[in-house]
Amino acid sequence: MAAEDLNIRVDHVGIAVESVEDAEPLLTTFGCEKLIDDTVEDRFRYAYYRLGDASRIELIEPIAEESFLTDFLDRHGRGLHHVTLEVADIDAVIDTLGAADVDVVDRRSYEGWTEAFVSPRNDTGVLFQLMEYHEPFATEQGIDPGTLYVGGDRLSADE
């Protein structure tokens, strides 16, 4: 598939913080609305915010003594951790990146989404998370899809 045929959009930026509580007041000052506040496998906490009708920001805080996030904070301090791109067809995106000699790592599938990462060793220096949402994601979060997804709907390979 040609790159121009891929259905991709920026979903959110992830910011590594030492404390969601300490960082959140700035986001609320901007007018952000918290959509999700959850933990992943007792490794990290994430809080997901909507700004306006299309922008999303995620704060990620380590809760494990040692993790990828504690390593990141030790090396780089607080700040931009990743850019998440929502993709309609993660297989097509991975194939396209592979054809361009871009390595995609850590592909994992969950009930609500499939994700993979482009290492920050690429020429931009940014970690990209590729995220294909599945139908149950919004239901699992208990949030109206019109609020949860950029533009109100998850991307579809049929678009």
C-alpha atoms as a PDB file:
ATOM      1  CA  MET A   1       0.000   0.000   0.000  1.00  0.00           C
ATOM      2  CA  ALA A   2       1.291   3.458  -0.870  1.00  0.00           C
ATOM      3  CA  ALA A   3       1.946   5.817   2.014  1.00  0.00           C
ATOM      4  CA  GLU A   4      -0.615   8.312   0.709  1.00  0.00           C
ATOM      5  CA  ASP A   5      -3.299   5.588   0.925  1.00  0.00           C
ATOM      6  CA  LEU A   6      -2.763   4.964   4.641  1.00  0.00           C
ATOM      7  CA  ASN A   7      -5.398   6.329   6.993  1.00  0.00           C
ATOM      8  CA  ILE A   8      -3.380   7.870   9.876  1.00  0.00           C
ATOM      9  CA  ARG A   9      -3.845  10.791  12.236  1.00  0.00           C
ATOM     10  CA  VAL A  10      -2.183  12.105  15.383  1.00  0.00           C
ATOM     11  CA  ASP A  11      -4.129  10.678  18.324  1.00  0.00           C
ATOM     12  CA  HIS A  12      -2.214  12.188  21.228  1.00  0.00           C
ATOM     13  CA  VAL A  13       1.152  13.188  22.618  1.00  0.00           C
ATOM     14  CA  GLY A  14       2.414  11.387  25.702  1.00  0.00           C
ATOM     15  CA  ILE A  15       4.276  13.355  28.336  1.00  0.00           C
ATOM     16  CA  ALA A  16       6.375  11.593  30.976  1.00  0.00           C
ATOM     17  CA  VAL A  17       5.863  13.087  34.428  1.00  0.00           C
ATOM     18  CA  GLU A  18       6.848  12.176  37.945  1.00  0.00           C
ATOM     19  CA  SER A  19       3.337  12.927  39.212  1.00  0.00           C
ATOM     20  CA  VAL A  20       0.042  13.274  37.360  1.00  0.00           C
ATOM     21  CA  GLU A  21      -1.316  15.338  40.272  1.00  0.00           C
ATOM     22  CA  ASP A  22       1.547  17.817  39.979  1.00  0.00           C
ATOM     23  CA  ALA A  23       1.299  18.135  36.190  1.00  0.00           C
ATOM     24  CA  GLU A  24      -2.482  18.139  35.820  1.00  0.00           C
ATOM     25  CA  PRO A  25      -3.140  21.733  37.015  1.00  0.00           C
ATOM     26  CA  LEU A  26      -1.371  23.119  33.945  1.00  0.00           C
ATOM     27  CA  LEU A  27      -3.573  21.038  31.655  1.00  0.00           C
ATOM     28  CA  THR A  28      -6.741  22.128  33.442  1.00  0.00           C
ATOM     29  CA  THR A  29      -5.577  25.736  33.134  1.00  0.00           C
ATOM     30  CA  PHE A  30      -5.463  25.144  29.363  1.00  0.00           C
ATOM     31  CA  GLY A  31      -9.044  23.888  29.580  1.00  0.00           C
ATOM     32  CA  CYS A  32      -8.301  20.179  29.239  1.00  0.00           C
ATOM     33  CA  GLU A  33     -10.988  17.695  30.257  1.00  0.00           C
ATOM     34  CA  LYS A  34      -9.788  14.424  31.813  1.00  0.00           C
ATOM     35  CA  LEU A  35     -11.247  11.433  29.961  1.00  0.00           C
ATOM     36  CA  ILE A  36      -9.328   8.479  31.424  1.00  0.00           C
ATOM     37  CA  ASP A  37      -7.223   7.909  34.543  1.00  0.00           C
ATOM     38  CA  ASP A  38      -6.006   4.318  34.772  1.00  0.00           C
ATOM     39  CA  THR A  39      -2.997   2.080  35.410  1.00  0.00           C
ATOM     40  CA  VAL A  40      -1.341  -0.553  33.249  1.00  0.00           C
ATOM     41  CA  GLU A  41      -0.255  -3.751  35.000  1.00  0.00           C
ATOM     42  CA  ASP A  42       0.987  -1.840  38.068  1.00  0.00           C
ATOM     43  CA  ARG A  43       3.766  -0.430  35.865  1.00  0.00           C
ATOM     44  CA  PHE A  44       2.486   3.045  35.081  1.00  0.00           C
ATOM     45  CA  ARG A  45      -0.460   5.356  35.448  1.00  0.00           C
ATOM     46  CA  TYR A  46      -1.847   7.258  32.508  1.00  0.00           C
ATOM     47  CA  ALA A  47      -4.298  10.125  32.405  1.00  0.00           C
ATOM     48  CA  TYR A  48      -5.788  11.030  29.046  1.00  0.00           C
ATOM     49  CA  TYR A  49      -7.149  14.528  28.371  1.00  0.00           C
ATOM     50  CA  ARG A  50      -9.130  16.216  25.627  1.00  0.00           C
ATOM     51  CA  LEU A  51      -8.343  19.800  24.654  1.00  0.00           C
ATOM     52  CA  GLY A  52     -10.985  21.352  22.431  1.00  0.00           C
ATOM     53  CA  ASP A  53     -12.618  18.949  20.016  1.00  0.00           C
ATOM     54  CA  ALA A  54      -9.590  17.335  18.412  1.00  0.00           C
ATOM     55  CA  SER A  55      -6.469  17.496  20.575  1.00  0.00           C
ATOM     56  CA  ARG A  56      -5.437  14.825  23.082  1.00  0.00           C
ATOM     57  CA  ILE A  57      -2.671  14.866  25.708  1.00  0.00           C
ATOM     58  CA  GLU A  58      -1.621  11.945  27.902  1.00  0.00           C
ATOM     59  CA  LEU A  59       0.342  12.198  31.129  1.00  0.00           C
ATOM     60  CA  ILE A  60       2.224   9.035  32.073  1.00  0.00           C
ATOM     61  CA  GLU A  61       3.616   8.463  35.561  1.00  0.00           C
ATOM     62  CA  PRO A  62       5.664   5.473  36.742  1.00  0.00           C
ATOM     63  CA  ILE A  63       4.226   3.461  39.599  1.00  0.00           C
ATOM     64  CA  ALA A  64       6.685   0.569  39.471  1.00  0.00           C
ATOM     65  CA  GLU A  65      10.092   0.932  41.128  1.00  0.00           C
ATOM     66  CA  GLU A  66      11.838   0.150  37.833  1.00  0.00           C
ATOM     67  CA  SER A  67      10.314   0.364  34.375  1.00  0.00           C
ATOM     68  CA  PHE A  68      10.798   1.822  30.916  1.00  0.00           C
ATOM     69  CA  LEU A  69       9.319   5.029  32.316  1.00  0.00           C
ATOM     70  CA  THR A  70      11.630   5.329  35.330  1.00  0.00           C
ATOM     71  CA  ASP A  71      14.549   4.710  32.946  1.00  0.00           C
ATOM     72  CA  PHE A  72      13.236   7.413  30.615  1.00  0.00           C
ATOM     73  CA  LEU A  73      12.812   9.949  33.444  1.00  0.00           C
ATOM     74  CA  ASP A  74      16.306   9.154  34.785  1.00  0.00           C
ATOM     75  CA  ARG A  75      17.858   9.730  31.344  1.00  0.00           C
ATOM     76  CA  HIS A  76      15.751  12.594  29.978  1.00  0.00           C
ATOM     77  CA  GLY A  77      13.699  14.068  32.789  1.00  0.00           C
ATOM     78  CA  ARG A  78      10.094  15.105  32.390  1.00  0.00           C
ATOM     79  CA  GLY A  79       8.833  15.912  28.936  1.00  0.00           C
ATOM     80  CA  LEU A  80       7.724  14.517  25.599  1.00  0.00           C
ATOM     81  CA  HIS A  81       7.774  10.723  25.703  1.00  0.00           C
ATOM     82  CA  HIS A  82       5.907   9.699  22.544  1.00  0.00           C
ATOM     83  CA  VAL A  83       3.565  10.683  19.754  1.00  0.00           C
ATOM     84  CA  THR A  84       0.710   8.271  19.175  1.00  0.00           C
ATOM     85  CA  LEU A  85      -0.589   7.880  15.650  1.00  0.00           C
ATOM     86  CA  GLU A  86      -3.996   6.291  15.271  1.00  0.00           C
ATOM     87  CA  VAL A  87      -3.973   4.017  12.249  1.00  0.00           C
ATOM     88  CA  ALA A  88      -6.883   2.347  10.494  1.00  0.00           C
ATOM     89  CA  ASP A  89      -4.878  -0.736   9.477  1.00  0.00           C
ATOM     90  CA  ILE A  90      -1.777  -1.409  11.573  1.00  0.00           C
ATOM     91  CA  ASP A  91      -0.638  -4.271   9.319  1.00  0.00           C
ATOM     92  CA  ALA A  92      -0.628  -2.008   6.255  1.00  0.00           C
ATOM     93  CA  VAL A  93       1.289   0.691   8.141  1.00  0.00           C
ATOM     94  CA  ILE A  94       3.866  -1.798   9.443  1.00  0.00           C
ATOM     95  CA  ASP A  95       4.304  -3.240   5.928  1.00  0.00           C
ATOM     96  CA  THR A  96       4.750   0.247   4.462  1.00  0.00           C
ATOM     97  CA  LEU A  97       7.302   1.186   7.118  1.00  0.00           C
ATOM     98  CA  GLY A  98       9.145  -2.104   6.600  1.00  0.00           C
ATOM     99  CA  ALA A  99       9.359  -1.436   2.855  1.00  0.00           C
ATOM    100  CA  ALA A 100      10.994   1.895   3.750  1.00  0.00           C
ATOM    101  CA  ASP A 101      13.491   0.112   6.065  1.00  0.00           C
ATOM    102  CA  VAL A 102      11.893   1.560   9.214  1.00  0.00           C
ATOM    103  CA  ASP A 103      11.951  -0.885  12.122  1.00  0.00           C
ATOM    104  CA  VAL A 104       8.736  -1.433  14.026  1.00  0.00           C
ATOM    105  CA  VAL A 105       9.044  -3.136  17.420  1.00  0.00           C
ATOM    106  CA  ASP A 106       6.997  -4.335  20.366  1.00  0.00           C
ATOM    107  CA  ARG A 107       3.787  -5.143  18.549  1.00  0.00           C
ATOM    108  CA  ARG A 108       1.088  -6.214  21.022  1.00  0.00           C
ATOM    109  CA  SER A 109      -2.602  -6.937  20.701  1.00  0.00           C
ATOM    110  CA  TYR A 110      -5.201  -6.336  23.372  1.00  0.00           C
ATOM    111  CA  GLU A 111      -8.974  -6.655  23.250  1.00  0.00           C
ATOM    112  CA  GLY A 112      -9.450  -2.926  22.691  1.00  0.00           C
ATOM    113  CA  TRP A 113      -6.436  -2.090  20.533  1.00  0.00           C
ATOM    114  CA  THR A 114      -3.302  -3.238  18.753  1.00  0.00           C
ATOM    115  CA  GLU A 115      -0.110  -1.225  19.141  1.00  0.00           C
ATOM    116  CA  ALA A 116       3.443  -1.158  17.861  1.00  0.00           C
ATOM    117  CA  PHE A 117       6.316   1.294  18.171  1.00  0.00           C
ATOM    118  CA  VAL A 118       8.818   2.995  15.883  1.00  0.00           C
ATOM    119  CA  SER A 119      12.044   3.356  17.847  1.00  0.00           C
ATOM    120  CA  PRO A 120      13.232   6.883  18.667  1.00  0.00           C
ATOM    121  CA  ARG A 121      16.475   5.917  16.940  1.00  0.00           C
ATOM    122  CA  ASN A 122      14.769   7.101  13.729  1.00  0.00           C
ATOM    123  CA  ASP A 123      15.841  10.398  12.168  1.00  0.00           C
ATOM    124  CA  THR A 124      13.241  12.440  14.101  1.00  0.00           C
ATOM    125  CA  GLY A 125      14.443  11.193  17.495  1.00  0.00           C
ATOM    126  CA  VAL A 126      10.805  10.652  18.542  1.00  0.00           C
ATOM    127  CA  LEU A 127       9.188   7.439  19.765  1.00  0.00           C
ATOM    128  CA  PHE A 128       6.056   6.860  17.670  1.00  0.00           C
ATOM    129  CA  GLN A 129       3.317   4.592  18.989  1.00  0.00           C
ATOM    130  CA  LEU A 130       1.077   3.148  16.291  1.00  0.00           C
ATOM    131  CA  MET A 131      -2.408   2.439  17.642  1.00  0.00           C
ATOM    132  CA  GLU A 132      -5.267   0.677  15.905  1.00  0.00           C
ATOM    133  CA  TYR A 133      -8.367   0.873  18.072  1.00  0.00           C
ATOM    134  CA  HIS A 134     -10.855  -1.992  18.044  1.00  0.00           C
ATOM    135  CA  GLU A 135     -14.586  -1.704  18.589  1.00  0.00           C
ATOM    136  CA  PRO A 136     -14.545  -2.618  22.315  1.00  0.00           C
ATOM    137  CA  PHE A 137     -12.095   0.154  23.290  1.00  0.00           C
ATOM    138  CA  ALA A 138     -14.686   2.881  23.918  1.00  0.00           C
ATOM    139  CA  THR A 139     -17.006   0.419  25.665  1.00  0.00           C
ATOM    140  CA  GLU A 140     -14.182  -0.731  27.958  1.00  0.00           C
ATOM    141  CA  GLN A 141     -13.418   2.873  28.885  1.00  0.00           C
ATOM    142  CA  GLY A 142     -17.085   3.690  29.489  1.00  0.00           C
ATOM    143  CA  ILE A 143     -16.756   6.894  27.480  1.00  0.00           C
ATOM    144  CA  ASP A 144     -18.856   8.155  24.593  1.00  0.00           C
ATOM    145  CA  PRO A 145     -16.850   7.469  21.403  1.00  0.00           C
ATOM    146  CA  GLY A 146     -17.720  10.963  20.190  1.00  0.00           C
ATOM    147  CA  THR A 147     -15.690  12.300  23.117  1.00  0.00           C
ATOM    148  CA  LEU A 148     -12.967   9.655  23.191  1.00  0.00           C
ATOM    149  CA  TYR A 149     -11.775   9.676  19.576  1.00  0.00           C
ATOM    150  CA  VAL A 150     -10.244  12.556  17.684  1.00  0.00           C
ATOM    151  CA  GLY A 151     -12.985  13.750  15.350  1.00  0.00           C
ATOM    152  CA  GLY A 152     -15.583  11.648  17.185  1.00  0.00           C
ATOM    153  CA  ASP A 153     -14.989   8.274  15.500  1.00  0.00           C
ATOM    154  CA  ARG A 154     -12.159   5.783  15.413  1.00  0.00           C
ATOM    155  CA  LEU A 155     -10.422   5.393  12.059  1.00  0.00           C
ATOM    156  CA  SER A 156     -11.612   2.586   9.828  1.00  0.00           C
ATOM    157  CA  ALA A 157      -9.787   0.793   7.033  1.00  0.00           C
ATOM    158  CA  ASP A 158     -12.975   1.257   4.981  1.00  0.00           C
ATOM    159  CA  GLU A 159     -12.574   5.046   4.850  1.00  0.00           C
END
